[in-house]
Structures are given as C-alpha cells and as structure tokens.
Amino acid sequence: MLLRPSRRGLSLAISPISTRRHEGSRLCRRCLATTAAAPQTDSLPLHGTRVLDMTRVLAGPYCTQILGDLGADIIKIEHPTRGDDTRAWGPPYAKHIRGPETDGPGESAYFLSVNRNKRSVGLSFAHAAGVDILHRLAKDCDVLVENYLPGSLKKYGMDYETLAKVNPSLIYASITGYGQTGPYRRRAGYDVMVEGEMGLMHITGQRDGPPVKVGVAVTDLTTGLYTSNSIMAALIGRAKTGKGQHIDAALSDCQVATLANMASSALISGQKDAGRWGTAHPSIVPYRSFQTADGHVLLGGGNDRLFGILCEKLGKSKWRTDERFCTNAVRVQHREILEPMIERETQKKTTEEWLKLLDESGMPYAAVNDIQGTLNHEHVLARDMVVSMEHPTCGPIKMVNTPVKYSHSTPGVRTPPPTLGQHTDEVLRELAGLSEEAIRGLRDEGVVA
C-alpha cells in the first residue's frame, strides 16, 4: 500500500516516471510472489517494495534485513569474488555440505545473522558494464541503501543527485560513521570507535573498572533500526507527494540520540555525568546483578513496595523498616551497606532456586544467561525466536527470527541468507532485461559472478 501506488487504484500524487516504472514492473512482482517461500508475502507491509542494497558489514545489512523481513524484495550487491566483508569474518562457519565448495570454510555466522530474505548479485562496478547494470536496477527500485564514504559513489553516477533525475521517487539512504556534513564527514566509522567517541563506552563497565564496549555492536544496530524506520517514514511521505528523498543516517548521531536519559541529565544539570555503574542504577537501590551460589541473578527493587517483597523473600523482613533502607532515597545513600548485605543472602542459594522463590512474587528478577542459555530459554522458544531454515549449500541451519509479531501479517525468515551471487542471473534477467548470452559474456569478463 505504501510504495507501489498504482496497484490498487489509490489516488496518489506520483511523477509520470514513477507511474511508468510501477506499471512496467508488475510482471516481476508476480514472479517474486511465486518464488517466495512461506509465509505468504502478500500480506506483508512492504510487499511490492524493491530495495537496492549496496551495504556491507552490519548497520546497513541490518537495516535492509528488517525491510526484507517486512516483505521488501532486497537486491544485495556484492563484490563478485569476495562478497560482503563479513563473509570472511569467522569462525564460526556453517560448513558447506553440498555444492562445489565443500572443502572451503563455509558460510560465516556473522554474515548469516543479517542477510536473510535477500537476493545476492555478484557485481563489480569497477567495470563500466557493471555501473550500467546498477543504473538499470536503481531506475526501477523504490529504495537504495548504501554505506560508502560521502561522495564515493558520485564518480559512478550512483549518488542521490544523479539518480533522482532518472528516478524522482527514489528513497536513497546513506549510512556513514559521521554523516554527510560536519568536520568528521570523511572519517571512516566503525561501531567501537563511535561507542568510544560518543559517550557510550564511558558509561559502560564496572564502577571501578575501565570503559568497555557493549557486547554486540549496538551502535551499528541502532543505526540500522533508525534507518529502516526512516525509510518507511519516507515511503509514507512519498505516497503523499510522489517524491523521494535523501536520508542521511550517521552512527555518531544515532549514538548521541540513544544516550537518552543520560544525555538529558547532563544537559539539564550542566554537570559531569556519574560515570559507569556496571549493572547498577544511579538512582535506584537495589537494582543490579547479585552473585548466587552458581551464577548471578538480577533484582530490581524499583520502589518501596518491591523492596519489601525482596526483604520477605530474603528472609530479612526487618530491613524494610530499617531507617537506613525504608525509602529508596535512603537506600541510595546507604548503597555501600545494603548491596553487600543482599549479596551475602543471594550467595546462599543457586540461581534456579532464587528464580523459583521469586516466581509470581511481583518482584522484577532475571537470571544472567549466556548466549546458549538465552537461545534455549523456554520463553525464547515459545515465542518462536529461533527457527530452522534449509540453506542451499549448508543444509539445515538455525537462525534468530524477526522479533515483532503482527495480528494479520506474518513477517519472518522466508529465505535463508544467499550464497555469493546466488541470484545474479535471475536478477539480471528479470530486472535488468539481459539475455543469457549477455550474462555469460559479463561473467567471462569478471563483471558479474
């Protein structure tokens, strides 16, 4: 409904070029619908939307994977011999069990994590013929997402200003470390550098320890989320105006935005922040991880009532009336006294024993699980967050599912992450209009793979 306006007779203001493009691509859309695996794509919000994905590594692929989960047709452009950088980021690898490369390392788990529901095209745009193919594809796409340094694609005529002249309805999203403007615009930006420079590492880690990065590349991930959200908003805007636009998404900006209440506290107070707190909270006690007999348990006494429940479960009901602990304000003042007292009690039982004791108490609590513990967690499995898919060369592989459930649509893993160039021929035939002979010639010249 949002993107290919003429399909159901919607009255929308779209340019003549856009109208012709949408009418001319109906046949391809019908082909896509028949090749997609269950669940059915027709009910998905972005069904009928085509995305040219010129991104690598994490932030960009995560963004386009979200769009793919929601039904968009993602055309992933990769270097014809090495592919996306993350194809080499291992171990671990899912081993090839069939095909010509069973002696190779296999498909990297990193690549598999952010490239489902996509079609891979191996294409070199160091060749003029490769650039021509990109232009053909971009002319008939709704969205283009790229993560090159600002200005890098201009020499190929793949910058927004050039493409907007031939496809005025194109939504063009650029993901960079520091944005299209500003003094750092030419700097490459990996997640960990931006985490450090934009405040996140400073507030992450133990109270008396050094700054540390978050366990996953969270700045990349939040940038991918912001960009996918911005693309969908731009598509809604295009349904009203018929015009595309350029989206400038920077890791640095997204990281500053996700400092959230920490940034607001610094702006309002004008004071230096309170630094790292580990799993604790600067304004709530108790609110942190406590050691058990065999691990850790998180306890959240967010108000005086919840603290009272915890006291009862710890067998220390007198603590709730102790003048040092009777309100959150005084508990914060006496943090150094209360937290060790709690931990002496939590160490007397196993994590599982505490989980059973706190069950249905109304007290917020949780175990601190490792990754395998998380992926095998009964609630995770009950929510269908782990699925199995048949990979074309690796056989059955397990993958994390898309997290949001819809009452009508059923987003999910329709197709496994592609092998390098798996869909080159079909995309060049269907979308670029090339013959089999022309494709063979391009392959012989090293333009495609």
Protein backbone atom coordinates (compact mmCIF):
# COMPACT_ATOMS: atom_id res chain seq x y z
CA MET A 1 0.00 0.00 0.00
CA LEU A 2 2.78 2.37 0.80
CA LEU A 3 5.07 2.06 -2.12
CA ARG A 4 3.80 0.95 -5.46
CA PRO A 5 0.88 3.34 -5.64
CA SER A 6 -0.95 2.23 -8.78
CA ARG A 7 -1.51 -1.39 -7.75
CA ARG A 8 -4.92 -0.96 -6.10
CA GLY A 9 -6.15 2.19 -7.70
CA LEU A 10 -5.01 4.51 -4.92
CA SER A 11 -5.26 8.19 -5.75
CA LEU A 12 -1.74 9.43 -5.09
CA ALA A 13 0.39 12.22 -6.47
CA ILE A 14 3.25 10.46 -8.26
CA SER A 15 5.51 11.53 -11.07
CA PRO A 16 5.00 10.22 -14.64
CA ILE A 17 8.35 8.42 -14.46
CA SER A 18 7.30 6.74 -11.23
CA THR A 19 3.95 5.71 -12.73
CA ARG A 20 5.53 4.10 -15.78
CA ARG A 21 8.06 2.28 -13.59
CA HIS A 22 5.38 0.81 -11.35
CA GLU A 23 3.22 -0.32 -14.26
CA GLY A 24 6.17 -1.89 -16.02
CA SER A 25 7.27 -3.91 -13.03
CA ARG A 26 4.05 -5.79 -12.30
CA LEU A 27 5.18 -8.93 -14.08
CA CYS A 28 8.35 -9.09 -11.96
CA ARG A 29 6.31 -8.68 -8.80
CA ARG A 30 4.13 -11.63 -9.78
CA CYS A 31 7.29 -13.68 -10.35
CA LEU A 32 8.61 -12.74 -6.92
CA ALA A 33 5.37 -13.75 -5.24
CA THR A 34 5.57 -17.26 -6.69
CA THR A 35 9.21 -17.82 -5.76
CA ALA A 36 8.94 -16.64 -2.16
CA ALA A 37 8.66 -19.35 0.48
CA ALA A 38 6.07 -19.40 3.26
CA PRO A 39 4.87 -17.28 4.91
CA GLN A 40 2.91 -15.60 2.11
CA THR A 41 4.35 -12.22 1.21
CA ASP A 42 1.08 -10.65 0.01
CA SER A 43 0.04 -9.57 3.50
CA LEU A 44 3.43 -8.20 4.49
CA PRO A 45 3.57 -4.40 4.87
CA LEU A 46 6.42 -3.89 2.37
CA HIS A 47 5.32 -6.46 -0.22
CA GLY A 48 5.91 -4.96 -3.67
CA THR A 49 8.74 -2.72 -2.50
CA ARG A 50 12.13 -3.16 -4.17
CA VAL A 51 15.35 -2.22 -2.36
CA LEU A 52 18.81 -1.96 -3.92
CA ASP A 53 21.15 -2.88 -1.06
CA MET A 54 24.68 -1.55 -1.57
CA THR A 55 25.74 -2.01 2.05
CA ARG A 56 28.26 -4.20 3.80
CA VAL A 57 29.11 -5.36 7.33
CA LEU A 58 26.38 -4.64 9.93
CA ALA A 59 24.46 -1.34 10.16
CA GLY A 60 23.35 -1.36 6.51
CA PRO A 61 22.64 -5.09 6.18
CA TYR A 62 20.72 -5.00 9.48
CA CYS A 63 18.60 -2.15 8.12
CA THR A 64 17.83 -3.93 4.85
CA GLN A 65 17.18 -7.24 6.62
CA ILE A 66 14.44 -5.52 8.62
CA LEU A 67 12.92 -4.28 5.36
CA GLY A 68 13.23 -7.77 3.90
CA ASP A 69 11.54 -9.34 6.91
CA LEU A 70 8.61 -7.00 6.28
CA GLY A 71 8.26 -8.21 2.70
CA ALA A 72 10.53 -5.98 0.60
CA ASP A 73 12.50 -7.52 -2.27
CA ILE A 74 16.13 -6.89 -1.27
CA ILE A 75 18.70 -6.95 -4.09
CA LYS A 76 22.07 -7.21 -2.35
CA ILE A 77 25.02 -6.05 -4.46
CA GLU A 78 28.30 -7.77 -3.52
CA HIS A 79 31.85 -7.80 -4.84
CA PRO A 80 31.92 -10.69 -7.34
CA THR A 81 34.84 -12.56 -5.75
CA ARG A 82 34.96 -11.73 -2.03
CA GLY A 83 31.39 -10.58 -1.39
CA ASP A 84 30.33 -8.75 1.75
CA ASP A 85 33.27 -8.28 4.14
CA THR A 86 31.54 -10.37 6.79
CA ARG A 87 31.59 -13.50 4.62
CA ALA A 88 35.21 -13.81 5.80
CA TRP A 89 34.51 -12.96 9.45
CA GLY A 90 34.86 -16.28 11.21
CA PRO A 91 34.94 -18.75 12.75
CA PRO A 92 32.36 -19.98 13.34
CA TYR A 93 31.19 -21.04 9.91
CA ALA A 94 28.26 -23.17 8.77
CA LYS A 95 30.00 -25.85 6.74
CA HIS A 96 29.07 -26.49 3.13
CA ILE A 97 27.65 -30.00 2.80
CA ARG A 98 26.87 -29.78 -0.91
CA GLY A 99 27.92 -27.79 -3.93
CA PRO A 100 31.40 -27.12 -5.36
CA GLU A 101 32.96 -25.62 -2.21
CA THR A 102 32.62 -28.36 0.39
CA ASP A 103 36.35 -28.06 1.13
CA GLY A 104 36.01 -24.36 1.97
CA PRO A 105 35.30 -22.84 5.37
CA GLY A 106 31.57 -22.41 4.71
CA GLU A 107 29.20 -19.50 5.38
CA SER A 108 30.20 -17.23 8.27
CA ALA A 109 27.80 -16.99 11.19
CA TYR A 110 28.27 -13.20 11.14
CA PHE A 111 27.07 -12.92 7.54
CA LEU A 112 24.19 -15.31 8.20
CA SER A 113 22.96 -13.13 11.08
CA VAL A 114 21.97 -10.09 8.97
CA ASN A 115 21.32 -11.24 5.41
CA ARG A 116 18.19 -13.39 5.32
CA ASN A 117 15.36 -12.57 2.92
CA LYS A 118 17.74 -11.12 0.31
CA ARG A 119 18.87 -11.91 -3.22
CA SER A 120 22.62 -11.75 -3.86
CA VAL A 121 24.09 -10.30 -7.05
CA GLY A 122 27.85 -10.55 -7.55
CA LEU A 123 28.73 -7.37 -9.44
CA SER A 124 31.85 -5.26 -9.96
CA PHE A 125 31.22 -1.58 -10.60
CA ALA A 126 34.90 -1.06 -11.36
CA HIS A 127 33.71 -2.02 -14.89
CA ALA A 128 31.59 0.35 -16.98
CA ALA A 129 29.21 -2.52 -17.72
CA GLY A 130 28.72 -3.07 -14.00
CA VAL A 131 27.87 0.59 -13.47
CA ASP A 132 25.36 0.40 -16.30
CA ILE A 133 23.64 -2.53 -14.58
CA LEU A 134 23.49 -0.60 -11.31
CA HIS A 135 21.84 2.32 -13.12
CA ARG A 136 19.24 -0.01 -14.62
CA LEU A 137 18.46 -1.52 -11.25
CA ALA A 138 18.33 1.83 -9.44
CA LYS A 139 15.92 3.25 -12.01
CA ASP A 140 13.34 0.61 -11.10
CA CYS A 141 13.86 0.46 -7.32
CA ASP A 142 11.87 2.14 -4.59
CA VAL A 143 14.77 2.37 -2.15
CA LEU A 144 18.57 2.41 -2.36
CA VAL A 145 20.67 1.93 0.80
CA GLU A 146 24.45 2.47 0.75
CA ASN A 147 27.21 2.85 3.33
CA TYR A 148 30.15 4.32 1.43
CA LEU A 149 32.11 7.41 2.48
CA PRO A 150 30.31 10.61 1.44
CA GLY A 151 30.90 11.38 -2.23
CA SER A 152 32.42 7.97 -3.05
CA LEU A 153 29.60 6.89 -5.39
CA LYS A 154 29.44 10.14 -7.36
CA LYS A 155 32.11 9.03 -9.85
CA TYR A 156 29.87 6.08 -10.76
CA GLY A 157 26.80 8.27 -11.15
CA MET A 158 25.27 6.45 -8.19
CA ASP A 159 24.91 9.48 -5.93
CA TYR A 160 21.48 10.73 -4.93
CA GLU A 161 21.54 13.86 -7.07
CA THR A 162 22.26 11.86 -10.26
CA LEU A 163 19.79 9.05 -9.59
CA ALA A 164 17.00 11.40 -8.51
CA LYS A 165 16.96 12.85 -12.02
CA VAL A 166 16.03 9.48 -13.55
CA ASN A 167 14.02 8.17 -10.59
CA PRO A 168 12.49 11.12 -8.69
CA SER A 169 10.56 8.79 -6.39
CA LEU A 170 13.71 7.02 -5.12
CA ILE A 171 14.27 6.89 -1.37
CA TYR A 172 18.08 7.00 -1.06
CA ALA A 173 19.52 6.19 2.39
CA SER A 174 23.19 6.82 3.18
CA ILE A 175 24.64 5.20 6.31
CA THR A 176 28.03 6.52 7.41
CA GLY A 177 30.08 6.87 10.56
CA TYR A 178 29.75 10.63 10.87
CA GLY A 179 27.22 11.81 8.30
CA GLN A 180 27.24 13.74 5.03
CA THR A 181 28.21 17.03 6.69
CA GLY A 182 30.42 18.22 9.53
CA PRO A 183 34.17 18.16 10.22
CA TYR A 184 34.32 14.33 10.55
CA ARG A 185 32.34 13.54 7.41
CA ARG A 186 35.35 11.97 5.64
CA ARG A 187 36.26 9.71 8.56
CA ALA A 188 35.50 6.00 8.40
CA GLY A 189 33.47 4.95 11.41
CA TYR A 190 33.36 1.50 12.95
CA ASP A 191 30.98 0.84 15.80
CA VAL A 192 33.56 0.64 18.58
CA MET A 193 35.14 3.98 17.63
CA VAL A 194 31.77 5.70 17.71
CA GLU A 195 30.84 3.99 21.00
CA GLY A 196 34.02 5.48 22.46
CA GLU A 197 33.83 8.93 20.94
CA MET A 198 30.12 9.49 21.50
CA GLY A 199 29.92 8.61 25.19
CA LEU A 200 28.63 5.04 25.36
CA MET A 201 31.88 3.33 26.42
CA HIS A 202 32.39 5.94 29.14
CA ILE A 203 29.17 4.87 30.87
CA THR A 204 29.61 1.12 30.24
CA GLY A 205 31.55 -1.16 32.56
CA GLN A 206 32.09 -1.77 36.26
CA ARG A 207 32.05 1.17 38.65
CA ASP A 208 35.77 0.93 39.41
CA GLY A 209 36.84 -0.54 36.05
CA PRO A 210 37.87 0.83 32.65
CA PRO A 211 35.39 1.77 29.92
CA VAL A 212 34.29 -1.20 27.82
CA LYS A 213 32.32 -1.66 24.62
CA VAL A 214 28.89 -3.26 24.65
CA GLY A 215 28.92 -7.00 23.90
CA VAL A 216 27.31 -6.54 20.48
CA ALA A 217 27.88 -3.69 18.01
CA VAL A 218 24.92 -1.82 19.43
CA THR A 219 25.64 1.49 17.66
CA ASP A 220 25.57 -0.29 14.31
CA LEU A 221 22.32 -1.99 15.27
CA THR A 222 20.57 1.15 16.50
CA THR A 223 21.67 2.96 13.33
CA GLY A 224 20.19 0.14 11.26
CA LEU A 225 16.96 0.42 13.23
CA TYR A 226 16.79 4.21 12.89
CA THR A 227 17.49 3.98 9.15
CA SER A 228 14.88 1.30 8.45
CA ASN A 229 12.34 3.35 10.38
CA SER A 230 13.31 6.50 8.45
CA ILE A 231 12.99 4.68 5.14
CA MET A 232 9.49 3.52 5.98
CA ALA A 233 8.51 7.04 7.05
CA ALA A 234 9.90 8.39 3.78
CA LEU A 235 7.87 5.83 1.85
CA ILE A 236 4.71 7.00 3.61
CA GLY A 237 5.72 10.56 2.71
CA ARG A 238 6.23 9.55 -0.90
CA ALA A 239 2.72 8.09 -1.03
CA LYS A 240 1.50 11.62 -0.28
CA THR A 241 3.85 13.63 -2.52
CA GLY A 242 5.18 11.21 -5.12
CA LYS A 243 8.69 12.41 -4.33
CA GLY A 244 11.65 10.52 -2.93
CA GLN A 245 14.35 11.99 -0.72
CA HIS A 246 17.85 11.51 0.62
CA ILE A 247 18.21 10.09 4.14
CA ASP A 248 21.48 10.92 5.94
CA ALA A 249 21.97 8.42 8.80
CA ALA A 250 25.16 8.57 10.89
CA LEU A 251 26.38 6.21 13.58
CA SER A 252 27.57 9.24 15.57
CA ASP A 253 24.13 10.90 15.52
CA CYS A 254 22.31 7.69 16.39
CA GLN A 255 24.67 7.05 19.28
CA VAL A 256 24.16 10.53 20.69
CA ALA A 257 20.39 10.07 20.36
CA THR A 258 20.45 6.75 22.22
CA LEU A 259 22.28 8.25 25.18
CA ALA A 260 18.66 9.09 26.04
CA ASN A 261 18.18 9.96 29.72
CA MET A 262 21.94 10.08 30.32
CA ALA A 263 22.32 12.88 27.78
CA SER A 264 19.23 14.64 29.13
CA SER A 265 20.61 14.50 32.69
CA ALA A 266 23.87 16.10 31.57
CA LEU A 267 22.09 18.80 29.57
CA ILE A 268 19.67 19.69 32.36
CA SER A 269 22.18 19.60 35.22
CA GLY A 270 25.14 21.02 33.35
CA GLN A 271 27.25 18.70 35.47
CA LYS A 272 29.68 15.92 34.66
CA ASP A 273 27.96 12.54 34.43
CA ALA A 274 28.25 9.95 37.19
CA GLY A 275 30.31 7.54 35.07
CA ARG A 276 29.96 3.76 34.97
CA TRP A 277 27.57 1.78 37.15
CA GLY A 278 28.03 -1.81 35.96
CA THR A 279 24.62 -3.47 36.28
CA ALA A 280 23.55 -1.00 38.97
CA HIS A 281 21.40 2.12 38.66
CA PRO A 282 22.48 5.57 39.88
CA SER A 283 19.05 6.41 41.30
CA ILE A 284 17.52 3.07 42.37
CA VAL A 285 18.70 0.61 45.05
CA PRO A 286 18.59 -2.36 44.85
CA TYR A 287 18.78 -2.56 41.08
CA ARG A 288 21.67 -4.72 39.88
CA SER A 289 23.10 -8.19 39.48
CA PHE A 290 23.90 -10.17 42.63
CA GLN A 291 26.07 -13.27 42.88
CA THR A 292 24.36 -16.57 43.66
CA ALA A 293 25.83 -19.94 44.61
CA ASP A 294 26.38 -20.76 40.93
CA GLY A 295 25.92 -17.58 38.90
CA HIS A 296 24.10 -14.28 39.08
CA VAL A 297 20.55 -13.01 39.48
CA LEU A 298 19.25 -9.54 38.65
CA LEU A 299 16.96 -7.93 41.20
CA GLY A 300 15.00 -4.71 40.66
CA GLY A 301 13.60 -3.02 43.75
CA GLY A 302 12.21 -0.08 41.81
CA ASN A 303 10.01 1.17 44.66
CA ASP A 304 9.50 0.66 48.39
CA ARG A 305 6.80 -1.99 47.92
CA LEU A 306 9.07 -4.10 45.72
CA PHE A 307 11.90 -3.71 48.20
CA GLY A 308 9.55 -5.06 50.86
CA ILE A 309 8.82 -8.14 48.73
CA LEU A 310 12.55 -8.73 48.31
CA CYS A 311 13.11 -8.44 52.06
CA GLU A 312 10.45 -11.11 52.65
CA LYS A 313 11.95 -13.45 50.05
CA LEU A 314 15.43 -12.97 51.52
CA GLY A 315 14.10 -13.76 54.98
CA LYS A 316 15.05 -10.27 56.16
CA SER A 317 11.69 -8.61 56.74
CA LYS A 318 13.18 -6.22 59.31
CA TRP A 319 15.20 -4.48 56.59
CA ARG A 320 12.05 -2.83 55.22
CA THR A 321 11.63 -0.78 58.41
CA ASP A 322 15.32 -0.11 58.97
CA GLU A 323 15.74 3.67 58.85
CA ARG A 324 18.73 3.21 56.53
CA PHE A 325 16.64 1.31 53.98
CA CYS A 326 12.97 2.24 54.43
CA THR A 327 12.81 4.52 51.35
CA ASN A 328 14.61 4.49 48.03
CA ALA A 329 16.24 7.83 48.81
CA VAL A 330 17.95 6.49 51.92
CA ARG A 331 18.75 3.19 50.22
CA VAL A 332 20.66 5.13 47.57
CA GLN A 333 22.57 6.92 50.37
CA HIS A 334 23.41 3.59 52.03
CA ARG A 335 24.07 1.63 48.83
CA GLU A 336 27.53 0.53 50.04
CA ILE A 337 25.96 -1.05 53.13
CA LEU A 338 22.80 -2.60 51.68
CA GLU A 339 24.11 -4.20 48.49
CA PRO A 340 26.75 -6.38 50.22
CA MET A 341 24.09 -7.43 52.75
CA ILE A 342 21.80 -8.57 49.94
CA GLU A 343 24.61 -10.39 48.17
CA ARG A 344 25.53 -12.35 51.29
CA GLU A 345 21.99 -13.73 51.21
CA THR A 346 21.78 -14.40 47.46
CA GLN A 347 25.02 -16.41 47.61
CA LYS A 348 23.27 -18.97 49.83
CA LYS A 349 21.11 -20.35 47.01
CA THR A 350 21.57 -21.26 43.35
CA THR A 351 20.22 -19.04 40.60
CA GLU A 352 17.49 -21.57 39.83
CA GLU A 353 16.43 -21.67 43.47
CA TRP A 354 16.09 -17.88 43.50
CA LEU A 355 14.09 -17.93 40.27
CA LYS A 356 11.62 -20.40 41.78
CA LEU A 357 11.42 -18.46 45.04
CA LEU A 358 10.71 -15.16 43.28
CA ASP A 359 8.25 -16.60 40.75
CA GLU A 360 4.90 -14.74 40.76
CA SER A 361 6.07 -12.51 43.60
CA GLY A 362 5.67 -9.34 41.56
CA MET A 363 9.36 -8.63 42.04
CA PRO A 364 11.29 -7.94 38.81
CA TYR A 365 14.07 -10.54 38.58
CA ALA A 366 16.03 -12.48 35.99
CA ALA A 367 18.89 -14.89 35.60
CA VAL A 368 22.03 -13.71 33.84
CA ASN A 369 22.23 -16.20 30.97
CA ASP A 370 24.96 -16.85 28.44
CA ILE A 371 24.08 -16.91 24.73
CA GLN A 372 23.32 -20.65 24.57
CA GLY A 373 21.20 -20.29 27.69
CA THR A 374 19.30 -17.48 26.01
CA LEU A 375 18.73 -19.29 22.72
CA ASN A 376 17.48 -22.39 24.56
CA HIS A 377 15.38 -20.41 27.03
CA GLU A 378 11.82 -21.75 27.26
CA HIS A 379 10.28 -18.32 26.70
CA VAL A 380 12.52 -17.59 23.70
CA LEU A 381 11.49 -20.90 22.13
CA ALA A 382 7.82 -20.38 22.97
CA ARG A 383 7.97 -17.03 21.17
CA ASP A 384 9.43 -18.72 18.03
CA MET A 385 12.57 -16.62 18.23
CA VAL A 386 14.73 -19.49 16.92
CA VAL A 387 13.84 -21.02 13.57
CA SER A 388 15.42 -23.59 11.28
CA MET A 389 15.89 -22.97 7.56
CA GLU A 390 17.26 -25.07 4.72
CA HIS A 391 20.34 -23.33 3.33
CA PRO A 392 21.18 -24.13 -0.32
CA THR A 393 24.72 -25.37 0.45
CA CYS A 394 24.86 -25.75 4.24
CA GLY A 395 21.65 -27.70 4.77
CA PRO A 396 19.55 -27.03 7.89
CA ILE A 397 20.72 -24.00 9.88
CA LYS A 398 19.22 -22.34 12.93
CA MET A 399 18.59 -18.61 12.86
CA VAL A 400 17.17 -15.91 15.11
CA ASN A 401 13.70 -14.92 13.92
CA THR A 402 12.32 -11.43 13.39
CA PRO A 403 11.14 -10.19 16.81
CA VAL A 404 7.83 -8.36 16.23
CA LYS A 405 4.57 -10.27 15.87
CA TYR A 406 1.67 -8.89 13.82
CA SER A 407 -2.01 -9.83 14.11
CA HIS A 408 -2.51 -10.04 10.35
CA SER A 409 0.88 -10.06 8.64
CA THR A 410 3.45 -12.75 9.40
CA PRO A 411 6.96 -11.33 8.94
CA GLY A 412 9.69 -13.92 9.30
CA VAL A 413 12.51 -15.82 7.66
CA ARG A 414 11.20 -16.64 4.19
CA THR A 415 14.53 -17.35 2.53
CA PRO A 416 17.95 -18.14 4.06
CA PRO A 417 20.92 -15.81 3.58
CA PRO A 418 22.11 -16.24 -0.01
CA THR A 419 25.38 -17.64 -1.26
CA LEU A 420 27.54 -15.14 -3.13
CA GLY A 421 25.94 -14.38 -6.49
CA GLN A 422 23.19 -16.94 -5.96
CA HIS A 423 20.62 -14.75 -7.71
CA THR A 424 22.80 -12.88 -10.22
CA ASP A 425 21.31 -14.50 -13.31
CA GLU A 426 17.66 -14.21 -12.28
CA VAL A 427 18.00 -10.57 -11.22
CA LEU A 428 19.84 -9.59 -14.40
CA ARG A 429 17.20 -11.35 -16.49
CA GLU A 430 14.15 -10.10 -14.59
CA LEU A 431 15.17 -6.61 -13.60
CA ALA A 432 17.97 -5.55 -15.94
CA GLY A 433 16.49 -7.21 -19.03
CA LEU A 434 19.71 -9.03 -20.01
CA SER A 435 19.81 -12.16 -22.14
CA GLU A 436 21.53 -15.38 -21.10
CA GLU A 437 24.21 -14.70 -23.70
CA ALA A 438 24.86 -11.21 -22.35
CA ILE A 439 25.09 -12.54 -18.80
CA ARG A 440 27.60 -15.19 -19.88
CA GLY A 441 29.70 -12.52 -21.53
CA LEU A 442 29.69 -10.37 -18.40
CA ARG A 443 30.68 -13.37 -16.31
CA ASP A 444 33.58 -14.17 -18.65
CA GLU A 445 34.79 -10.58 -18.28
CA GLY A 446 34.62 -10.71 -14.47
CA VAL A 447 31.86 -8.12 -14.27
CA VAL A 448 29.41 -10.46 -12.55
CA ALA A 449 29.59 -13.71 -10.63
